Protein backbone atom coordinates (compact mmCIF):
# COMPACT_ATOMS: atom_id res chain seq x y z
CA UNK A 1 -15.08 10.07 -35.37
CA UNK A 2 -15.86 12.47 -32.92
CA UNK A 3 -19.77 11.53 -32.85
CA UNK A 4 -17.78 8.15 -31.91
CA UNK A 5 -16.13 9.17 -28.99
CA UNK A 6 -19.45 11.15 -27.72
CA UNK A 7 -21.08 8.14 -28.03
CA UNK A 8 -18.95 6.21 -26.21
CA UNK A 9 -18.58 8.74 -23.50
CA UNK A 10 -22.09 8.82 -22.47
CA UNK A 11 -22.57 4.91 -22.68
CA UNK A 12 -19.82 4.73 -20.06
CA UNK A 13 -21.55 7.82 -18.37
CA UNK A 14 -24.70 5.41 -17.99
CA UNK A 15 -23.23 2.29 -17.05
CA UNK A 16 -21.31 4.25 -14.21
CA UNK A 17 -24.91 5.69 -13.10
CA UNK A 18 -26.41 2.00 -13.24
CA UNK A 19 -23.80 0.60 -11.00
CA UNK A 20 -23.18 3.62 -8.85
CA UNK A 21 -22.14 1.46 -5.70
CA UNK A 22 -22.18 -1.71 -3.75
CA UNK A 23 -25.42 -3.19 -2.18
CA UNK A 24 -25.57 -4.11 1.60
CA UNK A 25 -24.78 -7.72 0.59
CA UNK A 26 -21.73 -7.12 -1.04
CA UNK A 27 -20.23 -4.55 1.69
CA UNK A 28 -20.91 -7.72 4.04
CA UNK A 29 -19.26 -10.42 1.81
CA UNK A 30 -16.38 -8.12 1.64
CA UNK A 31 -15.89 -6.95 5.39
CA UNK A 32 -16.31 -10.63 5.95
CA UNK A 33 -13.29 -11.91 3.14
CA UNK A 34 -11.19 -8.64 4.57
CA UNK A 35 -11.68 -10.22 8.33
CA UNK A 36 -10.96 -13.47 7.35
CA UNK A 37 -7.58 -12.43 5.41
CA UNK A 38 -6.83 -10.15 8.74
CA UNK A 39 -7.18 -13.20 10.99
CA UNK A 40 -5.16 -15.46 8.67
CA UNK A 41 -2.12 -12.87 7.97
CA UNK A 42 -2.21 -12.55 12.44
CA UNK A 43 -1.76 -16.22 12.65
CA UNK A 44 1.14 -16.19 10.05
CA UNK A 45 2.95 -13.06 11.48
CA UNK A 46 2.52 -14.53 15.26
CA UNK A 47 4.08 -17.91 14.44
CA UNK A 48 7.00 -18.85 15.94
CA UNK A 49 9.16 -18.68 13.13
CA UNK A 50 7.95 -15.56 11.51
CA UNK A 51 8.41 -14.30 14.84
CA UNK A 52 12.30 -15.91 14.84
CA UNK A 53 12.54 -14.03 11.75
CA UNK A 54 11.37 -10.97 12.54
CA UNK A 55 13.34 -10.32 15.64
CA UNK A 56 16.95 -11.65 14.15
CA UNK A 57 15.85 -8.67 11.13
CA UNK A 58 15.19 -6.48 14.05
CA UNK A 59 18.62 -7.53 15.65
CA UNK A 60 20.68 -7.04 12.81
CA UNK A 61 19.03 -3.23 11.83
CA UNK A 62 20.01 -2.42 15.56
CA UNK A 63 23.45 -3.67 15.37
CA UNK A 64 24.71 -2.24 11.69
CA UNK A 65 27.80 -0.25 11.61
CA UNK A 66 28.14 2.52 10.31
């Protein structure tokens, strides 16, 4: 049993060394995806219905009775 665990751990270490990081193209694709997501999120948050809901939420929170 101990031998199997040792072999398994060594294989994990070898796999981690083989794939130690992202390449430049992976960084580029990830950056583009993050920027696209941020643009969509910005458009959604700044849309009229969402702004109205956020303003209503803030107004209700500020007018809360304690």
